[in-house]
C-alpha cells in the first residue's frame, strides 16, 4: 500500500482562506501526512496548518514569529524513507544543487522544497527532488499548484495538482 503525502509550498497568506481549507480538507483528504515547504507568512495561517497536523519549515517570506517557531530544514521519516524538507533561497538558477548540498550525509531519499514557484519532480545529483510549485491562493479558487508524493517500497513519485482544475 502506497503512502500518500500532501505537499504544498508558498501559500503566501496573511490569514486562513477557504482555498487553503479546500486543499487541506478535500485535495489532501486521505493523505497519510501533509508537508509545507515554507512561505506560510503569518502565525494565524501556521495555526490553521497545525490544526491539520501539517509538518512545515520556514521560508524567506515568513514573518519573524513564524520563522521563530519553525526550523529552516528538517528530515522526516516516512514509510522507511527519509524526506528532507526545506524552502530554498536566492536565485532559481542553481537552487536545486544548493539545496542538495545543504543536507548533510547521509542524504535524504527525497527532498521536498519550494521557493522557485516552479513545479519539479526529478533527480539532482542522484537525489529525488519534488517542488509542488506555489499554492497561489487568490480569489475563490486559487491559481497555483500543490502536490502528492507517493511512496511504495522503493518507488517514489511526485504528482502536481493544479488548483485551476480543483
N, C-alpha and C. Protein backbone atom coordinates (compact mmCIF):
# COMPACT_ATOMS: atom_id res chain seq x y z
N UNK A 1 0.85 -1.19 0.00
CA UNK A 1 0.00 0.00 0.00
C UNK A 1 0.89 1.24 0.00
N UNK A 2 0.62 2.14 -0.91
CA UNK A 2 1.43 3.35 -1.03
C UNK A 2 1.09 4.35 0.07
N UNK A 3 2.11 5.04 0.53
CA UNK A 3 1.91 6.15 1.45
C UNK A 3 1.70 7.41 0.60
N UNK A 4 0.64 8.17 0.90
CA UNK A 4 0.34 9.39 0.16
C UNK A 4 0.60 10.59 1.06
N UNK A 5 1.41 11.52 0.56
CA UNK A 5 1.79 12.70 1.32
C UNK A 5 1.36 13.94 0.53
N UNK A 6 0.53 14.77 1.15
CA UNK A 6 0.18 16.04 0.54
C UNK A 6 1.33 17.02 0.70
N UNK A 7 1.62 17.76 -0.36
CA UNK A 7 2.77 18.68 -0.34
C UNK A 7 2.33 20.04 -0.89
N UNK A 8 2.62 21.09 -0.10
CA UNK A 8 2.37 22.43 -0.60
C UNK A 8 3.47 23.37 -0.15
N UNK A 9 3.54 24.50 -0.82
CA UNK A 9 4.56 25.49 -0.52
C UNK A 9 4.08 26.85 -1.00
N UNK A 10 4.70 27.88 -0.47
CA UNK A 10 4.49 29.24 -0.99
C UNK A 10 3.02 29.62 -1.04
N UNK A 11 2.33 29.44 0.10
CA UNK A 11 0.93 29.85 0.17
C UNK A 11 0.80 31.36 0.29
N UNK A 12 1.78 32.02 0.91
CA UNK A 12 1.82 33.50 0.97
C UNK A 12 0.50 34.11 1.44
N UNK A 13 -0.03 33.62 2.55
CA UNK A 13 -1.29 34.13 3.08
C UNK A 13 -1.09 34.94 4.34
N UNK A 14 -1.86 36.01 4.48
CA UNK A 14 -1.85 36.81 5.71
C UNK A 14 -2.82 36.24 6.74
N UNK A 15 -3.84 35.50 6.27
CA UNK A 15 -4.82 34.88 7.17
C UNK A 15 -5.37 33.62 6.49
N UNK A 16 -5.95 32.71 7.28
CA UNK A 16 -6.53 31.50 6.67
C UNK A 16 -7.54 31.86 5.59
N UNK A 17 -7.71 30.96 4.62
CA UNK A 17 -8.50 31.25 3.43
C UNK A 17 -9.29 29.99 3.04
N UNK A 18 -10.49 30.13 2.48
CA UNK A 18 -11.26 28.96 2.06
C UNK A 18 -10.52 28.04 1.09
N UNK A 19 -9.67 28.58 0.23
CA UNK A 19 -8.93 27.72 -0.70
C UNK A 19 -7.92 26.86 0.07
N UNK A 20 -7.32 27.42 1.12
CA UNK A 20 -6.42 26.62 1.96
C UNK A 20 -7.21 25.48 2.61
N UNK A 21 -8.42 25.76 3.08
CA UNK A 21 -9.26 24.71 3.66
C UNK A 21 -9.57 23.64 2.62
N UNK A 22 -9.87 24.05 1.38
CA UNK A 22 -10.14 23.11 0.30
C UNK A 22 -8.94 22.19 0.06
N UNK A 23 -7.74 22.78 0.04
CA UNK A 23 -6.53 21.98 -0.16
C UNK A 23 -6.37 20.98 0.98
N UNK A 24 -6.45 21.47 2.21
CA UNK A 24 -6.19 20.61 3.37
C UNK A 24 -7.26 19.55 3.56
N UNK A 25 -8.52 19.91 3.38
CA UNK A 25 -9.62 19.00 3.73
C UNK A 25 -10.15 18.18 2.57
N UNK A 26 -10.00 18.68 1.34
CA UNK A 26 -10.52 17.94 0.19
C UNK A 26 -9.41 17.36 -0.68
N UNK A 27 -8.53 18.22 -1.20
CA UNK A 27 -7.46 17.69 -2.05
C UNK A 27 -6.56 16.71 -1.29
N UNK A 28 -6.31 17.02 -0.01
CA UNK A 28 -5.42 16.17 0.77
C UNK A 28 -6.18 15.21 1.70
N UNK A 29 -7.47 15.04 1.47
CA UNK A 29 -8.25 14.04 2.23
C UNK A 29 -7.65 12.67 1.94
N UNK A 30 -7.47 11.87 2.95
CA UNK A 30 -6.94 10.53 2.74
C UNK A 30 -5.43 10.45 2.64
N UNK A 31 -4.74 11.59 2.79
CA UNK A 31 -3.28 11.53 2.80
C UNK A 31 -2.81 11.09 4.18
N UNK A 32 -1.64 10.47 4.21
CA UNK A 32 -1.06 10.00 5.47
C UNK A 32 -0.29 11.09 6.20
N UNK A 33 0.06 12.15 5.49
CA UNK A 33 0.90 13.21 6.04
C UNK A 33 0.77 14.41 5.11
N UNK A 34 0.96 15.61 5.66
CA UNK A 34 0.99 16.82 4.83
C UNK A 34 2.24 17.61 5.19
N UNK A 35 2.97 18.04 4.16
CA UNK A 35 4.19 18.82 4.33
C UNK A 35 4.00 20.19 3.70
N UNK A 36 4.55 21.22 4.35
CA UNK A 36 4.54 22.58 3.80
C UNK A 36 5.99 23.06 3.74
N UNK A 37 6.45 23.42 2.54
CA UNK A 37 7.85 23.79 2.34
C UNK A 37 8.10 25.29 2.44
N UNK A 38 7.37 25.97 3.33
CA UNK A 38 7.71 27.35 3.66
C UNK A 38 7.00 28.43 2.88
N UNK A 39 7.15 29.65 3.37
CA UNK A 39 6.43 30.85 2.95
C UNK A 39 4.95 30.72 3.31
N UNK A 40 4.76 30.47 4.60
CA UNK A 40 3.44 30.42 5.21
C UNK A 40 2.99 31.84 5.51
N UNK A 41 3.89 32.67 5.99
CA UNK A 41 3.82 34.10 6.23
C UNK A 41 3.39 34.47 7.66
N UNK A 42 2.21 34.05 8.13
CA UNK A 42 1.74 34.53 9.44
C UNK A 42 1.38 33.41 10.40
N UNK A 43 1.34 33.76 11.68
CA UNK A 43 1.02 32.81 12.75
C UNK A 43 -0.39 32.22 12.59
N UNK A 44 -1.36 33.01 12.17
CA UNK A 44 -2.73 32.50 12.04
C UNK A 44 -2.81 31.42 10.97
N UNK A 45 -2.05 31.55 9.90
CA UNK A 45 -2.03 30.52 8.85
C UNK A 45 -1.30 29.28 9.37
N UNK A 46 -0.19 29.48 10.08
CA UNK A 46 0.52 28.35 10.68
C UNK A 46 -0.39 27.58 11.64
N UNK A 47 -1.18 28.31 12.43
CA UNK A 47 -2.09 27.64 13.36
C UNK A 47 -3.12 26.81 12.62
N UNK A 48 -3.61 27.30 11.47
CA UNK A 48 -4.57 26.52 10.67
C UNK A 48 -3.90 25.26 10.14
N UNK A 49 -2.66 25.37 9.69
CA UNK A 49 -1.93 24.20 9.20
C UNK A 49 -1.71 23.19 10.33
N UNK A 50 -1.38 23.71 11.52
CA UNK A 50 -1.13 22.83 12.66
C UNK A 50 -2.39 22.08 13.08
N UNK A 51 -3.57 22.70 12.90
CA UNK A 51 -4.84 22.01 13.20
C UNK A 51 -4.96 20.73 12.39
N UNK A 52 -4.39 20.72 11.20
CA UNK A 52 -4.46 19.56 10.30
C UNK A 52 -3.22 18.67 10.44
N UNK A 53 -2.30 19.04 11.37
CA UNK A 53 -1.11 18.23 11.60
C UNK A 53 -0.02 18.40 10.57
N UNK A 54 -0.03 19.52 9.86
CA UNK A 54 0.96 19.76 8.81
C UNK A 54 2.35 19.92 9.42
N UNK A 55 3.33 19.29 8.79
CA UNK A 55 4.74 19.43 9.17
C UNK A 55 5.33 20.48 8.24
N UNK A 56 5.95 21.52 8.80
CA UNK A 56 6.38 22.65 7.99
C UNK A 56 7.79 23.11 8.34
N UNK A 57 8.36 23.88 7.42
CA UNK A 57 9.61 24.60 7.65
C UNK A 57 9.35 26.06 7.31
N UNK A 58 10.23 26.93 7.77
CA UNK A 58 10.07 28.36 7.48
C UNK A 58 10.65 28.68 6.10
N UNK A 59 10.12 29.76 5.54
CA UNK A 59 10.61 30.25 4.26
C UNK A 59 11.06 31.69 4.39
N UNK A 60 11.61 32.24 3.33
CA UNK A 60 12.19 33.58 3.37
C UNK A 60 11.15 34.69 3.49
N UNK A 61 9.87 34.40 3.23
CA UNK A 61 8.82 35.42 3.33
C UNK A 61 8.04 35.32 4.64
N UNK A 62 8.38 34.36 5.49
CA UNK A 62 7.66 34.20 6.74
C UNK A 62 8.02 35.32 7.71
N UNK A 63 7.01 35.79 8.47
CA UNK A 63 7.29 36.84 9.43
C UNK A 63 8.16 36.28 10.57
N UNK A 64 8.64 37.17 11.42
CA UNK A 64 9.57 36.76 12.47
C UNK A 64 8.96 35.73 13.42
N UNK A 65 7.67 35.85 13.67
CA UNK A 65 7.02 34.91 14.59
C UNK A 65 7.03 33.50 14.02
N UNK A 66 6.62 33.35 12.76
CA UNK A 66 6.62 32.03 12.11
C UNK A 66 8.05 31.51 12.00
N UNK A 67 8.97 32.37 11.58
CA UNK A 67 10.36 31.94 11.43
C UNK A 67 10.95 31.48 12.76
N UNK A 68 10.50 32.08 13.85
CA UNK A 68 11.00 31.68 15.16
C UNK A 68 10.42 30.38 15.66
N UNK A 69 9.30 29.95 15.09
CA UNK A 69 8.64 28.72 15.53
C UNK A 69 9.02 27.49 14.71
N UNK A 70 9.51 27.71 13.49
CA UNK A 70 9.79 26.58 12.59
C UNK A 70 11.27 26.49 12.25
N UNK A 71 11.77 25.27 12.05
CA UNK A 71 13.15 25.12 11.59
C UNK A 71 13.27 25.52 10.12
N UNK A 72 14.49 25.78 9.68
CA UNK A 72 14.74 26.08 8.26
C UNK A 72 14.72 24.82 7.41
N UNK A 73 15.07 23.70 8.04
CA UNK A 73 15.06 22.43 7.33
C UNK A 73 14.85 21.31 8.33
N UNK A 74 14.35 20.19 7.85
CA UNK A 74 14.17 19.03 8.72
C UNK A 74 14.17 17.77 7.86
N UNK A 75 14.36 16.63 8.52
CA UNK A 75 14.28 15.34 7.86
C UNK A 75 13.21 14.53 8.58
N UNK A 76 12.25 14.04 7.79
CA UNK A 76 11.08 13.35 8.34
C UNK A 76 11.10 11.90 7.88
N UNK A 77 11.00 10.93 8.81
CA UNK A 77 10.89 9.54 8.39
C UNK A 77 9.48 9.26 7.86
N UNK A 78 9.40 8.49 6.77
CA UNK A 78 8.10 8.16 6.19
C UNK A 78 8.21 6.86 5.41
N UNK A 79 7.55 5.83 5.90
CA UNK A 79 7.47 4.54 5.20
C UNK A 79 8.85 4.01 4.82
N UNK A 80 9.79 4.09 5.77
CA UNK A 80 11.13 3.57 5.52
C UNK A 80 12.04 4.50 4.73
N UNK A 81 11.54 5.65 4.34
CA UNK A 81 12.33 6.65 3.59
C UNK A 81 12.58 7.85 4.48
N UNK A 82 13.55 8.66 4.07
CA UNK A 82 13.85 9.92 4.77
C UNK A 82 13.53 11.06 3.80
N UNK A 83 12.61 11.93 4.23
CA UNK A 83 12.20 13.07 3.40
C UNK A 83 12.85 14.32 3.97
N UNK A 84 13.65 14.99 3.16
CA UNK A 84 14.19 16.28 3.52
C UNK A 84 13.17 17.35 3.17
N UNK A 85 12.96 18.30 4.07
CA UNK A 85 12.01 19.39 3.85
C UNK A 85 12.72 20.70 4.07
N UNK A 86 12.67 21.57 3.05
CA UNK A 86 13.39 22.85 3.09
C UNK A 86 12.67 23.81 2.15
N UNK A 87 12.81 25.11 2.38
CA UNK A 87 12.17 26.07 1.48
C UNK A 87 13.06 26.36 0.27
N UNK A 88 14.23 26.88 0.50
CA UNK A 88 15.11 27.32 -0.58
C UNK A 88 15.41 28.80 -0.40
N UNK A 89 16.35 29.31 -1.17
CA UNK A 89 16.77 30.70 -1.04
C UNK A 89 17.51 31.14 -2.29
N UNK A 90 17.53 32.43 -2.51
CA UNK A 90 18.30 33.01 -3.60
C UNK A 90 17.68 32.77 -4.97
N UNK A 91 18.53 32.86 -5.98
CA UNK A 91 18.12 32.74 -7.37
C UNK A 91 17.58 31.34 -7.68
N UNK A 92 16.68 31.28 -8.66
CA UNK A 92 16.20 29.98 -9.14
C UNK A 92 17.35 29.21 -9.79
N UNK A 93 18.29 29.94 -10.39
CA UNK A 93 19.44 29.29 -11.03
C UNK A 93 20.30 28.61 -9.97
N UNK A 94 20.50 27.32 -10.11
CA UNK A 94 21.34 26.57 -9.17
C UNK A 94 20.65 26.22 -7.87
N UNK A 95 19.35 26.54 -7.74
CA UNK A 95 18.63 26.32 -6.49
C UNK A 95 18.65 24.85 -6.06
N UNK A 96 18.35 23.95 -6.97
CA UNK A 96 18.26 22.54 -6.61
C UNK A 96 19.60 22.01 -6.11
N UNK A 97 20.69 22.38 -6.77
CA UNK A 97 22.01 21.92 -6.33
C UNK A 97 22.37 22.50 -4.96
N UNK A 98 22.04 23.78 -4.72
CA UNK A 98 22.31 24.39 -3.41
C UNK A 98 21.56 23.65 -2.31
N UNK A 99 20.32 23.28 -2.61
CA UNK A 99 19.51 22.58 -1.62
C UNK A 99 20.10 21.21 -1.31
N UNK A 100 20.46 20.46 -2.33
CA UNK A 100 21.06 19.13 -2.10
C UNK A 100 22.31 19.26 -1.24
N UNK A 101 23.14 20.25 -1.53
CA UNK A 101 24.39 20.45 -0.78
C UNK A 101 24.13 20.84 0.67
N UNK A 102 23.00 21.47 0.98
CA UNK A 102 22.70 21.92 2.33
C UNK A 102 22.46 20.74 3.29
N UNK A 103 21.93 19.62 2.76
CA UNK A 103 21.65 18.46 3.61
C UNK A 103 22.93 17.66 3.82
N UNK A 104 23.26 17.36 5.09
CA UNK A 104 24.45 16.57 5.37
C UNK A 104 24.23 15.09 4.99
N UNK A 105 25.32 14.36 4.88
CA UNK A 105 25.24 12.91 4.65
C UNK A 105 24.80 12.24 5.95
N UNK A 106 24.06 11.16 5.86
CA UNK A 106 23.51 10.59 4.64
C UNK A 106 22.36 11.46 4.12
N UNK A 107 22.34 11.64 2.80
CA UNK A 107 21.32 12.49 2.17
C UNK A 107 19.95 11.84 2.30
N UNK A 108 18.89 12.67 2.33
CA UNK A 108 17.54 12.12 2.35
C UNK A 108 17.26 11.34 1.05
N UNK A 109 16.25 10.48 1.08
CA UNK A 109 15.85 9.74 -0.12
C UNK A 109 15.15 10.65 -1.11
N UNK A 110 14.45 11.65 -0.59
CA UNK A 110 13.76 12.63 -1.43
C UNK A 110 13.80 13.96 -0.68
N UNK A 111 13.94 15.04 -1.43
CA UNK A 111 13.92 16.38 -0.84
C UNK A 111 12.71 17.13 -1.39
N UNK A 112 11.87 17.63 -0.50
CA UNK A 112 10.73 18.47 -0.85
C UNK A 112 11.16 19.92 -0.60
N UNK A 113 10.94 20.78 -1.59
CA UNK A 113 11.35 22.18 -1.47
C UNK A 113 10.35 23.09 -2.16
N UNK A 114 10.54 24.38 -1.99
CA UNK A 114 9.67 25.38 -2.60
C UNK A 114 10.50 26.50 -3.18
N UNK A 115 10.11 27.72 -2.91
CA UNK A 115 10.81 28.96 -3.22
C UNK A 115 10.72 29.39 -4.69
N UNK A 116 10.97 28.50 -5.64
CA UNK A 116 11.02 28.90 -7.04
C UNK A 116 9.64 29.10 -7.67
N UNK A 117 8.59 28.58 -7.04
CA UNK A 117 7.23 28.61 -7.57
C UNK A 117 7.09 27.78 -8.84
N UNK A 118 8.08 26.95 -9.14
CA UNK A 118 8.08 26.14 -10.36
C UNK A 118 8.00 24.67 -9.97
N UNK A 119 6.92 23.97 -10.37
CA UNK A 119 6.82 22.54 -10.04
C UNK A 119 7.99 21.75 -10.64
N UNK A 120 8.47 20.77 -9.88
CA UNK A 120 9.58 19.94 -10.35
C UNK A 120 9.51 18.56 -9.69
N UNK A 121 9.67 17.51 -10.49
CA UNK A 121 9.87 16.16 -9.98
C UNK A 121 11.01 15.57 -10.80
N UNK A 122 12.09 15.18 -10.15
CA UNK A 122 13.22 14.62 -10.87
C UNK A 122 14.37 14.33 -9.92
N UNK A 123 15.52 14.03 -10.51
CA UNK A 123 16.69 13.70 -9.71
C UNK A 123 17.79 14.74 -9.96
N UNK A 124 18.45 15.11 -8.88
CA UNK A 124 19.58 16.04 -8.93
C UNK A 124 20.69 15.43 -8.10
N UNK A 125 21.84 15.22 -8.70
CA UNK A 125 22.97 14.59 -8.01
C UNK A 125 22.56 13.28 -7.33
N UNK A 126 21.69 12.51 -8.01
CA UNK A 126 21.28 11.21 -7.51
C UNK A 126 20.19 11.24 -6.45
N UNK A 127 19.67 12.44 -6.11
CA UNK A 127 18.64 12.59 -5.09
C UNK A 127 17.32 12.96 -5.76
N UNK A 128 16.24 12.26 -5.40
CA UNK A 128 14.91 12.63 -5.89
C UNK A 128 14.52 13.96 -5.24
N UNK A 129 13.92 14.84 -6.05
CA UNK A 129 13.51 16.15 -5.55
C UNK A 129 12.10 16.45 -6.04
N UNK A 130 11.32 17.09 -5.17
CA UNK A 130 9.93 17.42 -5.51
C UNK A 130 9.62 18.83 -5.03
N UNK A 131 9.21 19.67 -5.98
CA UNK A 131 8.70 21.01 -5.68
C UNK A 131 7.26 21.04 -6.18
N UNK A 132 6.29 21.25 -5.29
CA UNK A 132 4.90 21.25 -5.73
C UNK A 132 4.49 22.54 -6.45
N UNK A 133 5.41 23.48 -6.59
CA UNK A 133 5.07 24.79 -7.14
C UNK A 133 4.48 25.65 -6.04
N UNK A 134 3.87 26.73 -6.41
CA UNK A 134 3.32 27.67 -5.43
C UNK A 134 1.80 27.55 -5.38
N UNK A 135 1.28 27.44 -4.18
CA UNK A 135 -0.18 27.41 -3.99
C UNK A 135 -0.67 28.84 -3.95
N UNK A 136 -0.66 29.51 -5.10
CA UNK A 136 -1.15 30.90 -5.17
C UNK A 136 -2.62 30.89 -4.84
N UNK A 137 -2.96 31.36 -3.66
CA UNK A 137 -4.35 31.33 -3.23
C UNK A 137 -4.90 32.74 -3.39
N UNK A 138 -5.58 32.94 -4.50
CA UNK A 138 -6.18 34.24 -4.81
C UNK A 138 -7.61 33.99 -5.26
N UNK A 139 -8.50 34.87 -4.92
CA UNK A 139 -9.88 34.72 -5.38
C UNK A 139 -10.55 33.51 -4.75
N UNK A 140 -11.56 33.01 -5.41
CA UNK A 140 -12.37 31.93 -4.84
C UNK A 140 -11.73 30.55 -5.01
N UNK A 141 -10.86 30.37 -6.01
CA UNK A 141 -10.38 29.03 -6.30
C UNK A 141 -8.87 28.86 -6.21
N UNK A 142 -8.12 29.89 -6.38
CA UNK A 142 -6.68 29.74 -6.40
C UNK A 142 -6.19 29.51 -7.82
N UNK A 143 -4.93 29.77 -8.05
CA UNK A 143 -4.40 29.66 -9.41
C UNK A 143 -3.08 28.90 -9.47
N UNK A 144 -2.67 28.32 -8.37
CA UNK A 144 -1.36 27.69 -8.33
C UNK A 144 -1.42 26.19 -8.39
N UNK A 145 -0.42 25.56 -7.76
CA UNK A 145 -0.30 24.11 -7.76
C UNK A 145 0.10 23.61 -6.37
N UNK A 146 -0.28 22.39 -6.08
CA UNK A 146 0.15 21.65 -4.90
C UNK A 146 0.55 20.27 -5.42
N UNK A 147 0.91 19.35 -4.51
CA UNK A 147 1.34 18.05 -4.99
C UNK A 147 1.01 16.91 -4.06
N UNK A 148 1.16 15.71 -4.60
CA UNK A 148 1.05 14.47 -3.84
C UNK A 148 2.34 13.69 -4.08
N UNK A 149 3.01 13.31 -3.00
CA UNK A 149 4.18 12.45 -3.08
C UNK A 149 3.74 11.06 -2.64
N UNK A 150 3.93 10.07 -3.51
CA UNK A 150 3.57 8.70 -3.18
C UNK A 150 4.83 7.88 -2.99
N UNK A 151 4.83 7.11 -1.91
CA UNK A 151 5.95 6.21 -1.61
C UNK A 151 5.38 4.81 -1.51
N UNK A 152 5.92 3.90 -2.32
CA UNK A 152 5.51 2.49 -2.29
C UNK A 152 6.77 1.65 -2.40
N UNK A 153 7.25 1.17 -1.25
CA UNK A 153 8.50 0.40 -1.26
C UNK A 153 9.65 1.29 -1.70
N UNK A 154 10.37 0.86 -2.74
CA UNK A 154 11.49 1.65 -3.25
C UNK A 154 11.04 2.68 -4.28
N UNK A 155 9.79 2.65 -4.66
CA UNK A 155 9.27 3.57 -5.67
C UNK A 155 8.73 4.84 -5.03
N UNK A 156 9.05 5.97 -5.64
CA UNK A 156 8.53 7.26 -5.20
C UNK A 156 8.11 8.03 -6.44
N UNK A 157 7.02 8.79 -6.32
CA UNK A 157 6.57 9.61 -7.42
C UNK A 157 5.91 10.87 -6.90
N UNK A 158 6.27 12.01 -7.50
CA UNK A 158 5.66 13.27 -7.18
C UNK A 158 4.68 13.68 -8.28
N UNK A 159 3.45 14.00 -7.90
CA UNK A 159 2.43 14.41 -8.86
C UNK A 159 1.99 15.82 -8.51
N UNK A 160 1.88 16.67 -9.52
CA UNK A 160 1.46 18.06 -9.32
C UNK A 160 -0.03 18.18 -9.63
N UNK A 161 -0.75 18.90 -8.78
CA UNK A 161 -2.19 19.13 -8.94
C UNK A 161 -2.41 20.62 -9.14
N UNK A 162 -3.09 20.97 -10.23
CA UNK A 162 -3.39 22.37 -10.50
C UNK A 162 -4.63 22.79 -9.72
N UNK A 163 -4.54 23.91 -9.02
CA UNK A 163 -5.71 24.45 -8.32
C UNK A 163 -6.72 25.02 -9.30
N UNK A 164 -6.28 25.35 -10.51
CA UNK A 164 -7.19 25.87 -11.53
C UNK A 164 -8.27 24.85 -11.85
N UNK A 165 -7.93 23.57 -11.74
CA UNK A 165 -8.87 22.50 -12.03
C UNK A 165 -9.55 21.98 -10.77
N UNK A 166 -9.00 22.38 -9.58
CA UNK A 166 -9.51 21.88 -8.31
C UNK A 166 -10.77 22.52 -7.96
